Amino acid sequence: MSTKATIARIWRGRTRTTIADEYEAYLLETGIPPLVKTALAVQLFREDLGDETEFVTTSYWPDFESMAAFTGGDPNKVHHLDRDPHYLVELPERVAIMKILIDRN
């Protein structure tokens, strides 16, 4: 597998701020580890917005095929965690898959 990311897969979800710490712990325990094992890199972002908190997970992939292999099919499809319906204000209907045009550190 190439070590250069050409694709970013971006998932966004919102929860109530009152349970955001609990959801963050759940993401770190359940959602992030499989990505860390497989993707080239992973970032988890959090923004508290009053009554709601938004989480954004970005994973980086060398190509579409490796991303599809990880998701077990269509990487455009959202793969919800088991407890997402409990935590999230609404279940996201899509992820963004974006071609990386500039990657400069």
N, C-alpha and C. Protein backbone atom coordinates (compact mmCIF):
# COMPACT_ATOMS: atom_id res chain seq x y z
N MET A 1 0.84 -1.18 0.00
CA MET A 1 0.00 0.00 0.00
C MET A 1 0.88 1.24 0.00
N SER A 2 0.48 2.21 -0.80
CA SER A 2 1.19 3.48 -0.85
C SER A 2 1.10 4.18 0.50
N THR A 3 2.09 4.99 0.81
CA THR A 3 2.08 5.73 2.07
C THR A 3 1.68 7.18 1.87
N LYS A 4 1.26 7.54 0.66
CA LYS A 4 0.83 8.91 0.38
C LYS A 4 -0.69 8.95 0.25
N ALA A 5 -1.32 9.81 1.03
CA ALA A 5 -2.77 9.94 0.98
C ALA A 5 -3.18 10.73 -0.26
N THR A 6 -4.17 10.21 -0.97
CA THR A 6 -4.73 10.91 -2.12
C THR A 6 -6.21 11.22 -1.91
N ILE A 7 -6.81 10.60 -0.88
CA ILE A 7 -8.23 10.75 -0.62
C ILE A 7 -8.46 10.97 0.88
N ALA A 8 -9.39 11.87 1.19
CA ALA A 8 -9.84 12.07 2.57
C ALA A 8 -11.31 11.68 2.65
N ARG A 9 -11.66 10.92 3.67
CA ARG A 9 -13.05 10.54 3.92
C ARG A 9 -13.48 11.28 5.18
N ILE A 10 -14.51 12.11 5.06
CA ILE A 10 -14.89 13.01 6.15
C ILE A 10 -16.31 12.71 6.61
N TRP A 11 -16.43 12.38 7.89
CA TRP A 11 -17.73 12.10 8.51
C TRP A 11 -18.02 13.20 9.52
N ARG A 12 -19.28 13.63 9.58
CA ARG A 12 -19.71 14.65 10.54
C ARG A 12 -20.93 14.15 11.30
N GLY A 13 -20.94 14.39 12.61
CA GLY A 13 -22.10 14.05 13.42
C GLY A 13 -22.25 15.03 14.56
N ARG A 14 -23.52 15.27 14.95
CA ARG A 14 -23.81 16.22 16.03
C ARG A 14 -24.51 15.51 17.18
N THR A 15 -24.13 15.90 18.39
CA THR A 15 -24.76 15.37 19.59
C THR A 15 -25.14 16.53 20.50
N ARG A 16 -25.93 16.26 21.51
CA ARG A 16 -26.22 17.30 22.49
C ARG A 16 -24.96 17.56 23.30
N THR A 17 -24.68 18.80 23.59
CA THR A 17 -23.47 19.15 24.33
C THR A 17 -23.44 18.49 25.70
N THR A 18 -24.60 18.26 26.30
CA THR A 18 -24.66 17.64 27.63
C THR A 18 -24.11 16.22 27.64
N ILE A 19 -24.09 15.55 26.48
CA ILE A 19 -23.55 14.18 26.42
C ILE A 19 -22.34 14.09 25.49
N ALA A 20 -21.79 15.23 25.10
CA ALA A 20 -20.66 15.24 24.16
C ALA A 20 -19.42 14.54 24.70
N ASP A 21 -19.11 14.72 25.98
CA ASP A 21 -17.94 14.06 26.56
C ASP A 21 -18.11 12.54 26.51
N GLU A 22 -19.31 12.07 26.79
CA GLU A 22 -19.59 10.64 26.75
C GLU A 22 -19.46 10.10 25.32
N TYR A 23 -19.99 10.87 24.35
CA TYR A 23 -19.88 10.43 22.96
C TYR A 23 -18.43 10.45 22.48
N GLU A 24 -17.69 11.45 22.89
CA GLU A 24 -16.27 11.51 22.53
C GLU A 24 -15.54 10.27 23.03
N ALA A 25 -15.79 9.88 24.27
CA ALA A 25 -15.16 8.68 24.82
C ALA A 25 -15.58 7.44 24.02
N TYR A 26 -16.85 7.38 23.64
CA TYR A 26 -17.34 6.26 22.83
C TYR A 26 -16.65 6.21 21.47
N LEU A 27 -16.52 7.37 20.82
CA LEU A 27 -15.81 7.42 19.54
C LEU A 27 -14.36 6.95 19.68
N LEU A 28 -13.70 7.43 20.72
CA LEU A 28 -12.29 7.08 20.92
C LEU A 28 -12.11 5.59 21.22
N GLU A 29 -13.11 4.99 21.85
CA GLU A 29 -13.03 3.58 22.20
C GLU A 29 -13.48 2.66 21.07
N THR A 30 -14.50 3.09 20.32
CA THR A 30 -15.15 2.20 19.36
C THR A 30 -14.93 2.59 17.91
N GLY A 31 -15.06 3.86 17.59
CA GLY A 31 -15.03 4.28 16.20
C GLY A 31 -13.65 4.55 15.63
N ILE A 32 -12.77 5.09 16.44
CA ILE A 32 -11.47 5.52 15.94
C ILE A 32 -10.45 4.36 15.81
N PRO A 33 -10.38 3.43 16.76
CA PRO A 33 -9.35 2.38 16.65
C PRO A 33 -9.32 1.61 15.33
N PRO A 34 -10.45 1.20 14.74
CA PRO A 34 -10.36 0.50 13.45
C PRO A 34 -9.76 1.38 12.35
N LEU A 35 -10.05 2.66 12.41
CA LEU A 35 -9.47 3.58 11.42
C LEU A 35 -7.96 3.71 11.63
N VAL A 36 -7.55 3.83 12.87
CA VAL A 36 -6.12 3.98 13.17
C VAL A 36 -5.34 2.77 12.66
N LYS A 37 -5.95 1.58 12.76
CA LYS A 37 -5.28 0.36 12.31
C LYS A 37 -5.15 0.28 10.79
N THR A 38 -6.04 0.95 10.06
CA THR A 38 -6.14 0.73 8.62
C THR A 38 -5.79 1.94 7.77
N ALA A 39 -6.28 3.11 8.13
CA ALA A 39 -6.05 4.31 7.33
C ALA A 39 -4.61 4.79 7.49
N LEU A 40 -4.18 5.62 6.56
CA LEU A 40 -2.84 6.20 6.66
C LEU A 40 -2.74 7.17 7.84
N ALA A 41 -3.82 7.89 8.09
CA ALA A 41 -3.87 8.85 9.20
C ALA A 41 -5.33 9.10 9.53
N VAL A 42 -5.56 9.56 10.76
CA VAL A 42 -6.92 9.84 11.23
C VAL A 42 -6.87 11.09 12.09
N GLN A 43 -7.88 11.93 11.93
CA GLN A 43 -8.04 13.10 12.79
C GLN A 43 -9.46 13.12 13.32
N LEU A 44 -9.63 13.49 14.58
CA LEU A 44 -10.94 13.67 15.19
C LEU A 44 -11.02 15.10 15.69
N PHE A 45 -12.06 15.82 15.26
CA PHE A 45 -12.25 17.21 15.64
C PHE A 45 -13.54 17.33 16.45
N ARG A 46 -13.57 18.34 17.30
CA ARG A 46 -14.77 18.61 18.10
C ARG A 46 -14.97 20.11 18.18
N GLU A 47 -16.24 20.53 17.98
CA GLU A 47 -16.57 21.94 18.15
C GLU A 47 -17.86 22.03 18.96
N ASP A 48 -17.78 22.68 20.12
CA ASP A 48 -18.95 22.91 20.96
C ASP A 48 -19.67 24.15 20.44
N LEU A 49 -20.97 23.97 20.13
CA LEU A 49 -21.76 25.03 19.51
C LEU A 49 -23.02 25.31 20.34
N GLY A 50 -22.84 25.70 21.58
CA GLY A 50 -24.00 25.95 22.43
C GLY A 50 -24.63 24.65 22.87
N ASP A 51 -25.88 24.40 22.42
CA ASP A 51 -26.62 23.20 22.83
C ASP A 51 -26.18 21.94 22.11
N GLU A 52 -25.44 22.09 21.01
CA GLU A 52 -24.97 20.94 20.25
C GLU A 52 -23.45 20.96 20.11
N THR A 53 -22.90 19.78 19.91
CA THR A 53 -21.47 19.62 19.67
C THR A 53 -21.32 18.82 18.39
N GLU A 54 -20.45 19.32 17.51
CA GLU A 54 -20.20 18.62 16.25
C GLU A 54 -18.86 17.88 16.34
N PHE A 55 -18.86 16.65 15.87
CA PHE A 55 -17.65 15.86 15.75
C PHE A 55 -17.39 15.63 14.26
N VAL A 56 -16.13 15.71 13.88
CA VAL A 56 -15.72 15.47 12.50
C VAL A 56 -14.56 14.49 12.54
N THR A 57 -14.71 13.39 11.85
CA THR A 57 -13.63 12.41 11.72
C THR A 57 -13.15 12.43 10.28
N THR A 58 -11.86 12.64 10.11
CA THR A 58 -11.26 12.62 8.79
C THR A 58 -10.23 11.50 8.75
N SER A 59 -10.38 10.62 7.79
CA SER A 59 -9.39 9.55 7.59
C SER A 59 -8.79 9.73 6.21
N TYR A 60 -7.53 9.35 6.09
CA TYR A 60 -6.77 9.56 4.86
C TYR A 60 -6.38 8.22 4.26
N TRP A 61 -6.54 8.13 2.94
CA TRP A 61 -6.38 6.86 2.24
C TRP A 61 -5.51 7.03 1.00
N PRO A 62 -4.76 5.98 0.64
CA PRO A 62 -3.90 6.08 -0.55
C PRO A 62 -4.70 6.02 -1.85
N ASP A 63 -5.87 5.32 -1.82
CA ASP A 63 -6.67 5.19 -3.03
C ASP A 63 -8.08 4.75 -2.65
N PHE A 64 -8.96 4.83 -3.63
CA PHE A 64 -10.36 4.48 -3.42
C PHE A 64 -10.51 3.01 -3.05
N GLU A 65 -9.72 2.15 -3.66
CA GLU A 65 -9.83 0.71 -3.43
C GLU A 65 -9.54 0.34 -1.97
N SER A 66 -8.51 0.93 -1.37
CA SER A 66 -8.19 0.60 0.02
C SER A 66 -9.27 1.12 0.96
N MET A 67 -9.84 2.26 0.64
CA MET A 67 -10.93 2.80 1.43
C MET A 67 -12.15 1.90 1.31
N ALA A 68 -12.47 1.44 0.11
CA ALA A 68 -13.60 0.55 -0.11
C ALA A 68 -13.40 -0.79 0.61
N ALA A 69 -12.18 -1.29 0.61
CA ALA A 69 -11.90 -2.55 1.32
C ALA A 69 -12.16 -2.40 2.81
N PHE A 70 -11.80 -1.26 3.38
CA PHE A 70 -12.03 -1.02 4.80
C PHE A 70 -13.52 -0.95 5.12
N THR A 71 -14.28 -0.26 4.29
CA THR A 71 -15.71 -0.08 4.57
C THR A 71 -16.53 -1.32 4.23
N GLY A 72 -15.92 -2.26 3.52
CA GLY A 72 -16.63 -3.48 3.17
C GLY A 72 -17.62 -3.28 2.03
N GLY A 73 -17.36 -2.32 1.20
CA GLY A 73 -18.26 -2.07 0.07
C GLY A 73 -18.18 -0.62 -0.36
N ASP A 74 -19.30 0.04 -0.36
CA ASP A 74 -19.40 1.41 -0.83
C ASP A 74 -18.91 2.38 0.23
N PRO A 75 -17.76 3.02 0.03
CA PRO A 75 -17.24 3.95 1.04
C PRO A 75 -18.06 5.23 1.17
N ASN A 76 -18.97 5.47 0.20
CA ASN A 76 -19.86 6.63 0.30
C ASN A 76 -20.97 6.40 1.32
N LYS A 77 -21.23 5.16 1.63
CA LYS A 77 -22.29 4.81 2.58
C LYS A 77 -21.80 5.08 4.00
N VAL A 78 -22.68 5.66 4.80
CA VAL A 78 -22.35 5.92 6.21
C VAL A 78 -22.47 4.61 6.97
N HIS A 79 -21.46 4.29 7.75
CA HIS A 79 -21.47 3.10 8.59
C HIS A 79 -21.60 3.58 10.04
N HIS A 80 -22.82 3.55 10.55
CA HIS A 80 -23.08 4.05 11.89
C HIS A 80 -22.57 3.08 12.94
N LEU A 81 -22.06 3.63 14.03
CA LEU A 81 -21.69 2.81 15.18
C LEU A 81 -22.98 2.37 15.88
N ASP A 82 -22.91 1.28 16.62
CA ASP A 82 -24.10 0.71 17.26
C ASP A 82 -24.87 1.71 18.11
N ARG A 83 -24.16 2.57 18.83
CA ARG A 83 -24.84 3.49 19.76
C ARG A 83 -25.06 4.88 19.18
N ASP A 84 -24.74 5.09 17.90
CA ASP A 84 -24.98 6.39 17.27
C ASP A 84 -26.43 6.86 17.39
N PRO A 85 -27.43 5.98 17.20
CA PRO A 85 -28.81 6.46 17.33
C PRO A 85 -29.12 7.02 18.72
N HIS A 86 -28.45 6.51 19.73
CA HIS A 86 -28.63 7.02 21.09
C HIS A 86 -27.99 8.39 21.26
N TYR A 87 -26.82 8.58 20.71
CA TYR A 87 -26.03 9.79 20.95
C TYR A 87 -26.33 10.94 19.99
N LEU A 88 -26.53 10.63 18.73
CA LEU A 88 -26.55 11.69 17.72
C LEU A 88 -27.93 12.34 17.59
N VAL A 89 -27.91 13.64 17.33
CA VAL A 89 -29.14 14.41 17.13
C VAL A 89 -29.89 13.86 15.92
N GLU A 90 -29.17 13.56 14.87
CA GLU A 90 -29.71 12.89 13.69
C GLU A 90 -28.59 12.06 13.08
N LEU A 91 -28.95 10.97 12.46
CA LEU A 91 -27.93 10.11 11.85
C LEU A 91 -27.50 10.72 10.52
N PRO A 92 -26.20 10.94 10.35
CA PRO A 92 -25.73 11.50 9.08
C PRO A 92 -26.11 10.58 7.92
N GLU A 93 -26.48 11.20 6.82
CA GLU A 93 -26.88 10.44 5.64
C GLU A 93 -25.76 10.25 4.64
N ARG A 94 -24.66 10.98 4.84
CA ARG A 94 -23.57 10.87 3.88
C ARG A 94 -22.23 11.17 4.53
N VAL A 95 -21.19 10.73 3.87
CA VAL A 95 -19.83 11.13 4.19
C VAL A 95 -19.30 11.84 2.95
N ALA A 96 -18.31 12.67 3.16
CA ALA A 96 -17.67 13.34 2.02
C ALA A 96 -16.38 12.58 1.70
N ILE A 97 -16.21 12.28 0.45
CA ILE A 97 -14.97 11.67 -0.02
C ILE A 97 -14.34 12.67 -0.97
N MET A 98 -13.19 13.19 -0.56
CA MET A 98 -12.59 14.29 -1.30
C MET A 98 -11.18 13.93 -1.76
N LYS A 99 -10.90 14.25 -2.99
CA LYS A 99 -9.56 14.08 -3.54
C LYS A 99 -8.66 15.17 -2.96
N ILE A 100 -7.50 14.78 -2.49
CA ILE A 100 -6.55 15.73 -1.92
C ILE A 100 -5.77 16.38 -3.06
N LEU A 101 -5.90 17.68 -3.19
CA LEU A 101 -5.23 18.41 -4.26
C LEU A 101 -3.89 18.99 -3.81
N ILE A 102 -3.83 19.45 -2.56
CA ILE A 102 -2.59 19.98 -1.99
C ILE A 102 -2.38 19.31 -0.65
N ASP A 103 -1.20 18.82 -0.41
CA ASP A 103 -0.84 18.21 0.87
C ASP A 103 0.51 18.73 1.26
N ARG A 104 0.49 19.82 1.98
CA ARG A 104 1.74 20.47 2.35
C ARG A 104 1.79 20.67 3.86
N ASN A 105 2.87 20.24 4.47
CA ASN A 105 3.03 20.40 5.92
C ASN A 105 3.82 21.65 6.22
